[in-house]
Amino acid sequence: MSKIGESELIITPDGRVYHINLRPDELADTVITVGDPDRVKEVSKYFDHIEHKTQHREFVAHTGLIGKKRLTVLSSGIGPDNIDIVMNELDALVNIDFENRVIKEEKKSLNIIRFGTSGSLQADIPVDSLVASSHGIGLDNVLHYYQLENNEHETNLVAAFKKHTDLENKNIVPYAVQGSPKLLSIFKNGYHQGITVTCPGFYAPQGRVVRAGLQFPQLVDKLSSFQFENHRITNFEMETSAIFGLGRIFGHHCLAVNTIVANRVRKEFTKDGAKSIENMIQKSLELLSSSVEI
């Protein structure tokens, strides 16, 4: 078995993967990702015990226990490019032998759940509500660098999406990945479920106009009106599809849970974002810590 070069996977002298700054023993089998480094402590304050705390750049990680359930909460920073780092290094922690720099024969699957903030694309999904993602549709390009195998359902979903949004033969090349049905089943009561679109930026990629004009001015309206089978697009943000896609490639179970801080159809923004995020964290942790699925 060929060794992984030192330039391909950077491991520090004390055995930590470089960016997210964790050793294999410091990672739990269930990982919560958050964009904001300051949100890590807002999650871990509900832990009964914290075992490890690390920080490197925007990557902050706390590992601990709620009851007997071991969890890691890790900040990713914003955007799918950061998710590329996070997902590769999480996988390396469980599926690479750091001492010998080889892939382990026996693979481990992590449960990876994003706790994020998002904009609603449906008038009936108000600010401060919660969304759990059944699928991710990516408008970014990270997954185009990987060999992603889609099933027939996902292939048909992408084809229908490109036709509806007039993105066929355009510079944007969408992809779609289904999230974990096992994890999605945990988030039923009190959560809207639907497709989450992931954008590679906050302003023009999400249809916002400040001074610069838009290349795709009708995109937000097209997203809101899209239907495929019994699925509709509920929200958009900047991480979910990359998590789902890389999770598929590496064999991990992935889900995204978002609190809605803006409704783009009704042009409304939350009056108390901190309270809305706190509600998402508390409710979602209760479900995760009590679930027999993980």
C-alpha atoms as a PDB file:
ATOM      1  CA  MET A   1       0.000   0.000   0.000  1.00  0.00           C
ATOM      2  CA  SER A   2       1.469   3.354  -1.052  1.00  0.00           C
ATOM      3  CA  LYS A   3       2.219   5.950   1.597  1.00  0.00           C
ATOM      4  CA  ILE A   4       0.507   9.343   1.568  1.00  0.00           C
ATOM      5  CA  GLY A   5       3.137  12.035   1.020  1.00  0.00           C
ATOM      6  CA  GLU A   6       3.961  14.609   3.675  1.00  0.00           C
ATOM      7  CA  SER A   7       2.906  17.382   1.284  1.00  0.00           C
ATOM      8  CA  GLU A   8      -0.485  15.711   0.587  1.00  0.00           C
ATOM      9  CA  LEU A   9      -1.670  15.293   4.189  1.00  0.00           C
ATOM     10  CA  ILE A  10       0.044  17.577   6.673  1.00  0.00           C
ATOM     11  CA  ILE A  11       0.423  16.063  10.144  1.00  0.00           C
ATOM     12  CA  THR A  12       2.041  18.128  12.884  1.00  0.00           C
ATOM     13  CA  PRO A  13       4.925  16.781  15.008  1.00  0.00           C
ATOM     14  CA  ASP A  14       2.497  16.069  17.858  1.00  0.00           C
ATOM     15  CA  GLY A  15       0.207  13.989  15.618  1.00  0.00           C
ATOM     16  CA  ARG A  16      -2.479  16.538  14.716  1.00  0.00           C
ATOM     17  CA  VAL A  17      -4.019  17.010  11.298  1.00  0.00           C
ATOM     18  CA  TYR A  18      -2.860  20.466  10.248  1.00  0.00           C
ATOM     19  CA  HIS A  19      -5.861  22.762   9.738  1.00  0.00           C
ATOM     20  CA  ILE A  20      -8.469  21.550  12.197  1.00  0.00           C
ATOM     21  CA  ASN A  21      -5.753  20.766  14.748  1.00  0.00           C
ATOM     22  CA  LEU A  22      -7.123  17.504  16.131  1.00  0.00           C
ATOM     23  CA  ARG A  23      -5.550  14.140  16.952  1.00  0.00           C
ATOM     24  CA  PRO A  24      -7.529  10.985  16.090  1.00  0.00           C
ATOM     25  CA  ASP A  25      -8.292  10.272  19.761  1.00  0.00           C
ATOM     26  CA  GLU A  26      -9.782  13.752  20.200  1.00  0.00           C
ATOM     27  CA  LEU A  27     -12.543  13.289  17.616  1.00  0.00           C
ATOM     28  CA  ALA A  28     -15.967  11.860  18.468  1.00  0.00           C
ATOM     29  CA  ASP A  29     -17.915   9.668  16.042  1.00  0.00           C
ATOM     30  CA  THR A  30     -20.645  12.331  15.881  1.00  0.00           C
ATOM     31  CA  VAL A  31     -19.457  15.747  14.686  1.00  0.00           C
ATOM     32  CA  ILE A  32     -21.420  19.007  14.664  1.00  0.00           C
ATOM     33  CA  THR A  33     -20.057  21.641  12.290  1.00  0.00           C
ATOM     34  CA  VAL A  34     -20.795  25.330  12.697  1.00  0.00           C
ATOM     35  CA  GLY A  35     -19.576  28.193  10.522  1.00  0.00           C
ATOM     36  CA  ASP A  36     -18.837  30.727  13.240  1.00  0.00           C
ATOM     37  CA  PRO A  37     -15.911  29.923  15.601  1.00  0.00           C
ATOM     38  CA  ASP A  38     -17.752  31.749  18.406  1.00  0.00           C
ATOM     39  CA  ARG A  39     -20.690  29.359  17.996  1.00  0.00           C
ATOM     40  CA  VAL A  40     -18.607  26.391  19.159  1.00  0.00           C
ATOM     41  CA  LYS A  41     -18.820  27.423  22.806  1.00  0.00           C
ATOM     42  CA  GLU A  42     -22.539  28.103  22.387  1.00  0.00           C
ATOM     43  CA  VAL A  43     -22.936  24.414  21.535  1.00  0.00           C
ATOM     44  CA  SER A  44     -20.430  22.945  23.989  1.00  0.00           C
ATOM     45  CA  LYS A  45     -21.924  24.842  26.946  1.00  0.00           C
ATOM     46  CA  TYR A  46     -24.608  22.144  26.881  1.00  0.00           C
ATOM     47  CA  PHE A  47     -22.019  19.359  27.244  1.00  0.00           C
ATOM     48  CA  ASP A  48     -21.926  17.690  30.641  1.00  0.00           C
ATOM     49  CA  HIS A  49     -18.146  17.396  30.308  1.00  0.00           C
ATOM     50  CA  ILE A  50     -15.600  18.826  27.857  1.00  0.00           C
ATOM     51  CA  GLU A  51     -12.581  16.604  27.194  1.00  0.00           C
ATOM     52  CA  HIS A  52     -10.611  18.631  24.658  1.00  0.00           C
ATOM     53  CA  LYS A  53     -10.473  22.172  23.282  1.00  0.00           C
ATOM     54  CA  THR A  54      -8.322  23.160  20.313  1.00  0.00           C
ATOM     55  CA  GLN A  55      -8.036  26.152  18.003  1.00  0.00           C
ATOM     56  CA  HIS A  56      -6.102  26.890  14.803  1.00  0.00           C
ATOM     57  CA  ARG A  57      -7.054  29.831  12.584  1.00  0.00           C
ATOM     58  CA  GLU A  58     -10.857  29.760  12.168  1.00  0.00           C
ATOM     59  CA  PHE A  59     -11.059  26.114  13.194  1.00  0.00           C
ATOM     60  CA  VAL A  60     -12.175  25.727  16.819  1.00  0.00           C
ATOM     61  CA  ALA A  61     -13.044  22.285  18.175  1.00  0.00           C
ATOM     62  CA  HIS A  62     -14.529  21.073  21.476  1.00  0.00           C
ATOM     63  CA  THR A  63     -15.089  17.387  22.234  1.00  0.00           C
ATOM     64  CA  GLY A  64     -17.158  16.230  25.172  1.00  0.00           C
ATOM     65  CA  LEU A  65     -20.119  14.305  26.518  1.00  0.00           C
ATOM     66  CA  ILE A  66     -23.847  14.813  26.837  1.00  0.00           C
ATOM     67  CA  GLY A  67     -24.787  11.945  29.104  1.00  0.00           C
ATOM     68  CA  LYS A  68     -22.946   8.990  27.590  1.00  0.00           C
ATOM     69  CA  LYS A  69     -22.994  10.390  24.037  1.00  0.00           C
ATOM     70  CA  ARG A  70     -19.636  11.731  22.851  1.00  0.00           C
ATOM     71  CA  LEU A  71     -19.763  14.703  20.471  1.00  0.00           C
ATOM     72  CA  THR A  72     -17.320  17.009  18.734  1.00  0.00           C
ATOM     73  CA  VAL A  73     -18.356  20.508  17.674  1.00  0.00           C
ATOM     74  CA  LEU A  74     -16.077  22.082  15.075  1.00  0.00           C
ATOM     75  CA  SER A  75     -16.164  25.459  13.338  1.00  0.00           C
ATOM     76  CA  SER A  76     -15.609  25.417   9.589  1.00  0.00           C
ATOM     77  CA  GLY A  77     -15.579  29.085   8.687  1.00  0.00           C
ATOM     78  CA  ILE A  78     -17.713  30.241   5.773  1.00  0.00           C
ATOM     79  CA  GLY A  79     -18.023  28.621   2.374  1.00  0.00           C
ATOM     80  CA  PRO A  80     -17.565  25.359   0.465  1.00  0.00           C
ATOM     81  CA  ASP A  81     -13.804  25.845   0.089  1.00  0.00           C
ATOM     82  CA  ASN A  82     -13.429  25.590   3.869  1.00  0.00           C
ATOM     83  CA  ILE A  83     -15.708  22.542   3.864  1.00  0.00           C
ATOM     84  CA  ASP A  84     -13.209  20.888   1.496  1.00  0.00           C
ATOM     85  CA  ILE A  85     -10.579  21.195   4.232  1.00  0.00           C
ATOM     86  CA  VAL A  86     -12.873  20.160   7.087  1.00  0.00           C
ATOM     87  CA  MET A  87     -14.323  17.069   5.428  1.00  0.00           C
ATOM     88  CA  ASN A  88     -10.977  15.777   4.157  1.00  0.00           C
ATOM     89  CA  GLU A  89      -9.341  16.201   7.544  1.00  0.00           C
ATOM     90  CA  LEU A  90     -12.243  14.702   9.499  1.00  0.00           C
ATOM     91  CA  ASP A  91     -12.064  11.659   7.251  1.00  0.00           C
ATOM     92  CA  ALA A  92      -8.295  11.442   7.623  1.00  0.00           C
ATOM     93  CA  LEU A  93      -8.619  11.373  11.413  1.00  0.00           C
ATOM     94  CA  VAL A  94     -10.644   8.159  11.316  1.00  0.00           C
ATOM     95  CA  ASN A  95      -9.544   6.442   8.103  1.00  0.00           C
ATOM     96  CA  ILE A  96      -5.816   7.196   7.779  1.00  0.00           C
ATOM     97  CA  ASP A  97      -3.103   5.512   9.857  1.00  0.00           C
ATOM     98  CA  PHE A  98      -1.141   8.635  10.850  1.00  0.00           C
ATOM     99  CA  GLU A  99       1.959   6.729  11.985  1.00  0.00           C
ATOM    100  CA  ASN A 100       2.420   4.823   8.726  1.00  0.00           C
ATOM    101  CA  ARG A 101       0.608   7.321   6.421  1.00  0.00           C
ATOM    102  CA  VAL A 102      -1.559   4.687   4.773  1.00  0.00           C
ATOM    103  CA  ILE A 103      -5.297   4.194   4.359  1.00  0.00           C
ATOM    104  CA  LYS A 104      -6.749   1.878   6.990  1.00  0.00           C
ATOM    105  CA  GLU A 105      -8.206  -1.398   5.761  1.00  0.00           C
ATOM    106  CA  GLU A 106     -11.273  -1.063   7.993  1.00  0.00           C
ATOM    107  CA  LYS A 107     -13.153   2.187   7.345  1.00  0.00           C
ATOM    108  CA  LYS A 108     -15.201   4.178   9.848  1.00  0.00           C
ATOM    109  CA  SER A 109     -18.273   6.284   9.046  1.00  0.00           C
ATOM    110  CA  LEU A 110     -18.839   9.485  11.002  1.00  0.00           C
ATOM    111  CA  ASN A 111     -22.148  11.231  11.675  1.00  0.00           C
ATOM    112  CA  ILE A 112     -21.650  14.849  10.550  1.00  0.00           C
ATOM    113  CA  ILE A 113     -24.415  17.385  11.204  1.00  0.00           C
ATOM    114  CA  ARG A 114     -24.190  21.050  10.288  1.00  0.00           C
ATOM    115  CA  PHE A 115     -25.846  23.591  12.615  1.00  0.00           C
ATOM    116  CA  GLY A 116     -26.143  26.690  10.446  1.00  0.00           C
ATOM    117  CA  THR A 117     -28.010  29.841   9.552  1.00  0.00           C
ATOM    118  CA  SER A 118     -29.836  30.202   6.285  1.00  0.00           C
ATOM    119  CA  GLY A 119     -32.254  32.157   4.134  1.00  0.00           C
ATOM    120  CA  SER A 120     -35.740  30.812   3.418  1.00  0.00           C
ATOM    121  CA  LEU A 121     -36.876  30.615  -0.199  1.00  0.00           C
ATOM    122  CA  GLN A 122     -40.535  29.911   0.624  1.00  0.00           C
ATOM    123  CA  ALA A 123     -43.061  32.411   1.959  1.00  0.00           C
ATOM    124  CA  ASP A 124     -44.499  29.797   4.325  1.00  0.00           C
ATOM    125  CA  ILE A 125     -41.134  29.083   6.011  1.00  0.00           C
ATOM    126  CA  PRO A 126     -40.814  32.115   8.296  1.00  0.00           C
ATOM    127  CA  VAL A 127     -37.808  33.623  10.004  1.00  0.00           C
ATOM    128  CA  ASP A 128     -36.746  31.837  13.210  1.00  0.00           C
ATOM    129  CA  SER A 129     -38.064  28.476  11.970  1.00  0.00           C
ATOM    130  CA  LEU A 130     -35.895  25.371  11.504  1.00  0.00           C
ATOM    131  CA  VAL A 131     -35.046  23.438   8.337  1.00  0.00           C
ATOM    132  CA  ALA A 132     -33.484  19.979   7.960  1.00  0.00           C
ATOM    133  CA  SER A 133     -32.043  19.274   4.507  1.00  0.00           C
ATOM    134  CA  SER A 134     -33.164  16.238   2.538  1.00  0.00           C
ATOM    135  CA  HIS A 135     -30.829  17.108  -0.365  1.00  0.00           C
ATOM    136  CA  GLY A 136     -28.133  19.605  -1.212  1.00  0.00           C
ATOM    137  CA  ILE A 137     -27.874  21.241  -4.623  1.00  0.00           C
ATOM    138  CA  GLY A 138     -24.489  22.870  -5.139  1.00  0.00           C
ATOM    139  CA  LEU A 139     -23.886  25.953  -7.246  1.00  0.00           C
ATOM    140  CA  ASP A 140     -20.229  25.957  -6.184  1.00  0.00           C
ATOM    141  CA  ASN A 141     -17.436  24.075  -7.942  1.00  0.00           C
ATOM    142  CA  VAL A 142     -15.676  22.126  -5.152  1.00  0.00           C
ATOM    143  CA  LEU A 143     -17.268  18.769  -6.005  1.00  0.00           C
ATOM    144  CA  HIS A 144     -16.296  19.117  -9.685  1.00  0.00           C
ATOM    145  CA  TYR A 145     -12.718  18.339  -8.611  1.00  0.00           C
ATOM    146  CA  TYR A 146     -13.793  14.957  -7.185  1.00  0.00           C
ATOM    147  CA  GLN A 147     -15.201  11.749  -8.600  1.00  0.00           C
ATOM    148  CA  LEU A 148     -18.750  11.927  -7.245  1.00  0.00           C
ATOM    149  CA  GLU A 149     -21.061   9.055  -8.125  1.00  0.00           C
ATOM    150  CA  ASN A 150     -24.702  10.105  -8.328  1.00  0.00           C
ATOM    151  CA  ASN A 151     -27.642   7.726  -8.263  1.00  0.00           C
ATOM    152  CA  GLU A 152     -30.470   7.966 -10.796  1.00  0.00           C
ATOM    153  CA  HIS A 153     -32.645  10.048  -8.475  1.00  0.00           C
ATOM    154  CA  GLU A 154     -29.916  12.662  -8.043  1.00  0.00           C
ATOM    155  CA  THR A 155     -29.117  12.707 -11.769  1.00  0.00           C
ATOM    156  CA  ASN A 156     -32.772  13.341 -12.610  1.00  0.00           C
ATOM    157  CA  LEU A 157     -32.981  16.003  -9.912  1.00  0.00           C
ATOM    158  CA  VAL A 158     -30.034  17.909 -11.373  1.00  0.00           C
ATOM    159  CA  ALA A 159     -31.422  17.662 -14.913  1.00  0.00           C
ATOM    160  CA  ALA A 160     -34.793  19.034 -13.797  1.00  0.00           C
ATOM    161  CA  PHE A 161     -33.100  21.790 -11.777  1.00  0.00           C
ATOM    162  CA  LYS A 162     -30.898  22.950 -14.662  1.00  0.00           C
ATOM    163  CA  LYS A 163     -33.866  23.063 -17.019  1.00  0.00           C
ATOM    164  CA  HIS A 164     -36.073  24.979 -14.582  1.00  0.00           C
ATOM    165  CA  THR A 165     -33.392  27.533 -13.676  1.00  0.00           C
ATOM    166  CA  ASP A 166     -32.117  27.997 -17.250  1.00  0.00           C
ATOM    167  CA  LEU A 167     -28.625  26.935 -16.149  1.00  0.00           C
ATOM    168  CA  GLU A 168     -28.078  24.431 -18.941  1.00  0.00           C
ATOM    169  CA  ASN A 169     -24.824  25.193 -20.753  1.00  0.00           C
ATOM    170  CA  LYS A 170     -24.073  28.113 -18.423  1.00  0.00           C
ATOM    171  CA  ASN A 171     -21.010  28.891 -16.303  1.00  0.00           C
ATOM    172  CA  ILE A 172     -22.750  27.452 -13.228  1.00  0.00           C
ATOM    173  CA  VAL A 173     -22.719  23.636 -13.274  1.00  0.00           C
ATOM    174  CA  PRO A 174     -25.035  22.387 -10.488  1.00  0.00           C
ATOM    175  CA  TYR A 175     -24.720  19.054  -8.707  1.00  0.00           C
ATOM    176  CA  ALA A 176     -27.030  17.315  -6.245  1.00  0.00           C
ATOM    177  CA  VAL A 177     -26.514  14.918  -3.347  1.00  0.00           C
ATOM    178  CA  GLN A 178     -29.059  13.398  -0.990  1.00  0.00           C
ATOM    179  CA  GLY A 179     -28.417  13.703   2.728  1.00  0.00           C
ATOM    180  CA  SER A 180     -28.559  10.859   5.221  1.00  0.00           C
ATOM    181  CA  PRO A 181     -32.100   9.441   5.571  1.00  0.00           C
ATOM    182  CA  LYS A 182     -31.040   7.993   8.934  1.00  0.00           C
ATOM    183  CA  LEU A 183     -30.088  11.397  10.325  1.00  0.00           C
ATOM    184  CA  LEU A 184     -32.994  13.188   8.642  1.00  0.00           C
ATOM    185  CA  SER A 185     -35.417  10.881  10.455  1.00  0.00           C
ATOM    186  CA  ILE A 186     -34.268  12.388  13.770  1.00  0.00           C
ATOM    187  CA  PHE A 187     -35.357  15.899  12.751  1.00  0.00           C
ATOM    188  CA  LYS A 188     -39.071  15.622  11.999  1.00  0.00           C
ATOM    189  CA  ASN A 189     -41.257  17.426  14.503  1.00  0.00           C
ATOM    190  CA  GLY A 190     -40.686  21.163  14.390  1.00  0.00           C
ATOM    191  CA  TYR A 191     -38.437  21.089  11.319  1.00  0.00           C
ATOM    192  CA  HIS A 192     -39.316  21.896   7.722  1.00  0.00           C
ATOM    193  CA  GLN A 193     -37.656  19.400   5.375  1.00  0.00           C
ATOM    194  CA  GLY A 194     -36.560  20.105   1.826  1.00  0.00           C
ATOM    195  CA  ILE A 195     -33.751  20.834  -0.603  1.00  0.00           C
ATOM    196  CA  THR A 196     -30.996  23.235   0.438  1.00  0.00           C
ATOM    197  CA  VAL A 197     -29.106  25.119  -2.276  1.00  0.00           C
ATOM    198  CA  THR A 198     -25.473  25.935  -1.542  1.00  0.00           C
ATOM    199  CA  CYS A 199     -24.021  29.093  -3.063  1.00  0.00           C
ATOM    200  CA  PRO A 200     -20.315  30.014  -3.403  1.00  0.00           C
ATOM    201  CA  GLY A 201     -20.867  33.539  -2.060  1.00  0.00           C
ATOM    202  CA  PHE A 202     -23.212  35.767  -0.063  1.00  0.00           C
ATOM    203  CA  TYR A 203     -24.043  38.649  -2.380  1.00  0.00           C
ATOM    204  CA  ALA A 204     -24.529  38.108  -6.128  1.00  0.00           C
ATOM    205  CA  PRO A 205     -24.480  34.282  -5.802  1.00  0.00           C
ATOM    206  CA  GLN A 206     -27.524  34.641  -3.515  1.00  0.00           C
ATOM    207  CA  GLY A 207     -29.193  37.297  -5.671  1.00  0.00           C
ATOM    208  CA  ARG A 208     -28.280  40.301  -3.507  1.00  0.00           C
ATOM    209  CA  VAL A 209     -27.731  43.636  -5.222  1.00  0.00           C
ATOM    210  CA  VAL A 210     -25.738  46.348  -3.467  1.00  0.00           C
ATOM    211  CA  ARG A 211     -23.836  48.060  -6.303  1.00  0.00           C
ATOM    212  CA  ALA A 212     -22.892  45.277  -8.726  1.00  0.00           C
ATOM    213  CA  GLY A 213     -25.378  43.967 -11.273  1.00  0.00           C
ATOM    214  CA  LEU A 214     -26.438  40.314 -11.412  1.00  0.00           C
ATOM    215  CA  GLN A 215     -25.562  37.821 -14.119  1.00  0.00           C
ATOM    216  CA  PHE A 216     -28.603  35.701 -13.127  1.00  0.00           C
ATOM    217  CA  PRO A 217     -31.228  38.180 -11.869  1.00  0.00           C
ATOM    218  CA  GLN A 218     -34.101  35.662 -11.902  1.00  0.00           C
ATOM    219  CA  LEU A 219     -32.256  32.919 -10.011  1.00  0.00           C
ATOM    220  CA  VAL A 220     -33.887  33.441  -6.585  1.00  0.00           C
ATOM    221  CA  ASP A 221     -37.370  33.345  -8.091  1.00  0.00           C
ATOM    222  CA  LYS A 222     -36.458  30.220 -10.044  1.00  0.00           C
ATOM    223  CA  LEU A 223     -35.207  28.511  -6.903  1.00  0.00           C
ATOM    224  CA  SER A 224     -38.390  29.332  -4.995  1.00  0.00           C
ATOM    225  CA  SER A 225     -40.635  27.871  -7.716  1.00  0.00           C
ATOM    226  CA  PHE A 226     -38.682  24.650  -8.327  1.00  0.00           C
ATOM    227  CA  GLN A 227     -40.417  21.325  -7.645  1.00  0.00           C
ATOM    228  CA  PHE A 228     -39.075  17.801  -8.150  1.00  0.00           C
ATOM    229  CA  GLU A 229     -41.270  14.834  -7.240  1.00  0.00           C
ATOM    230  CA  ASN A 230     -42.403  15.713  -3.697  1.00  0.00           C
ATOM    231  CA  HIS A 231     -39.410  17.968  -3.006  1.00  0.00           C
ATOM    232  CA  ARG A 232     -39.061  21.742  -3.105  1.00  0.00           C
ATOM    233  CA  ILE A 233     -36.191  24.088  -2.339  1.00  0.00           C
ATOM    234  CA  THR A 234     -36.636  25.367   1.201  1.00  0.00           C
ATOM    235  CA  ASN A 235     -33.517  27.468   1.764  1.00  0.00           C
ATOM    236  CA  PHE A 236     -30.043  28.424   0.628  1.00  0.00           C
ATOM    237  CA  GLU A 237     -26.704  28.993   2.338  1.00  0.00           C
ATOM    238  CA  MET A 238     -22.987  28.262   1.726  1.00  0.00           C
ATOM    239  CA  GLU A 239     -21.958  24.813   3.041  1.00  0.00           C
ATOM    240  CA  THR A 240     -24.521  21.986   2.836  1.00  0.00           C
ATOM    241  CA  SER A 241     -24.010  20.508  -0.629  1.00  0.00           C
ATOM    242  CA  ALA A 242     -20.228  20.330  -0.150  1.00  0.00           C
ATOM    243  CA  ILE A 243     -20.731  18.461   3.140  1.00  0.00           C
ATOM    244  CA  PHE A 244     -23.189  16.061   1.512  1.00  0.00           C
ATOM    245  CA  GLY A 245     -21.007  15.503  -1.561  1.00  0.00           C
ATOM    246  CA  LEU A 246     -17.755  14.874   0.282  1.00  0.00           C
ATOM    247  CA  GLY A 247     -19.641  12.809   2.847  1.00  0.00           C
ATOM    248  CA  ARG A 248     -20.873  10.588   0.010  1.00  0.00           C
ATOM    249  CA  ILE A 249     -17.353  10.192  -1.375  1.00  0.00           C
ATOM    250  CA  PHE A 250     -15.859   9.315   2.008  1.00  0.00           C
ATOM    251  CA  GLY A 251     -18.771   7.191   3.232  1.00  0.00           C
ATOM    252  CA  HIS A 252     -20.017   9.369   6.089  1.00  0.00           C
ATOM    253  CA  HIS A 253     -23.600  10.114   7.192  1.00  0.00           C
ATOM    254  CA  CYS A 254     -24.321  13.823   6.730  1.00  0.00           C
ATOM    255  CA  LEU A 255     -27.142  16.229   7.461  1.00  0.00           C
ATOM    256  CA  ALA A 256     -27.675  19.976   7.732  1.00  0.00           C
ATOM    257  CA  VAL A 257     -29.960  21.734  10.193  1.00  0.00           C
ATOM    258  CA  ASN A 258     -30.441  25.477   9.734  1.00  0.00           C
ATOM    259  CA  THR A 259     -32.273  28.211  11.551  1.00  0.00           C
ATOM    260  CA  ILE A 260     -33.894  30.684   9.180  1.00  0.00           C
ATOM    261  CA  VAL A 261     -32.585  34.194   9.802  1.00  0.00           C
ATOM    262  CA  ALA A 262     -33.952  35.728   6.580  1.00  0.00           C
ATOM    263  CA  ASN A 263     -36.967  35.140   4.370  1.00  0.00           C
ATOM    264  CA  ARG A 264     -35.919  36.197   0.885  1.00  0.00           C
ATOM    265  CA  VAL A 265     -39.443  35.983  -0.540  1.00  0.00           C
ATOM    266  CA  ARG A 266     -41.015  38.191   2.125  1.00  0.00           C
ATOM    267  CA  LYS A 267     -37.879  40.399   2.496  1.00  0.00           C
ATOM    268  CA  GLU A 268     -37.806  39.822   6.251  1.00  0.00           C
ATOM    269  CA  PHE A 269     -34.891  39.382   8.653  1.00  0.00           C
ATOM    270  CA  THR A 270     -34.954  37.958  12.171  1.00  0.00           C
ATOM    271  CA  LYS A 271     -35.377  40.429  15.006  1.00  0.00           C
ATOM    272  CA  ASP A 272     -33.315  38.288  17.401  1.00  0.00           C
ATOM    273  CA  GLY A 273     -30.789  36.094  15.606  1.00  0.00           C
ATOM    274  CA  ALA A 274     -29.039  35.017  18.809  1.00  0.00           C
ATOM    275  CA  LYS A 275     -32.292  33.678  20.273  1.00  0.00           C
ATOM    276  CA  SER A 276     -33.128  31.886  17.025  1.00  0.00           C
ATOM    277  CA  ILE A 277     -29.699  30.209  16.894  1.00  0.00           C
ATOM    278  CA  GLU A 278     -29.914  29.271  20.566  1.00  0.00           C
ATOM    279  CA  ASN A 279     -33.265  27.575  19.948  1.00  0.00           C
ATOM    280  CA  MET A 280     -31.793  25.567  17.074  1.00  0.00           C
ATOM    281  CA  ILE A 281     -28.794  24.456  19.120  1.00  0.00           C
ATOM    282  CA  GLN A 282     -30.800  23.473  22.187  1.00  0.00           C
ATOM    283  CA  LYS A 283     -33.576  21.638  20.333  1.00  0.00           C
ATOM    284  CA  SER A 284     -31.208  19.857  17.936  1.00  0.00           C
ATOM    285  CA  LEU A 285     -28.809  18.761  20.678  1.00  0.00           C
ATOM    286  CA  GLU A 286     -31.703  17.314  22.649  1.00  0.00           C
ATOM    287  CA  LEU A 287     -32.709  15.232  19.638  1.00  0.00           C
ATOM    288  CA  LEU A 288     -29.159  14.100  18.878  1.00  0.00           C
ATOM    289  CA  SER A 289     -28.284  13.196  22.448  1.00  0.00           C
ATOM    290  CA  SER A 290     -31.442  11.148  22.910  1.00  0.00           C
ATOM    291  CA  SER A 291     -31.435   9.456  19.503  1.00  0.00           C
ATOM    292  CA  VAL A 292     -30.841   5.727  19.166  1.00  0.00           C
ATOM    293  CA  GLU A 293     -29.876   6.280  15.496  1.00  0.00           C
ATOM    294  CA  ILE A 294     -26.374   7.473  16.409  1.00  0.00           C
END
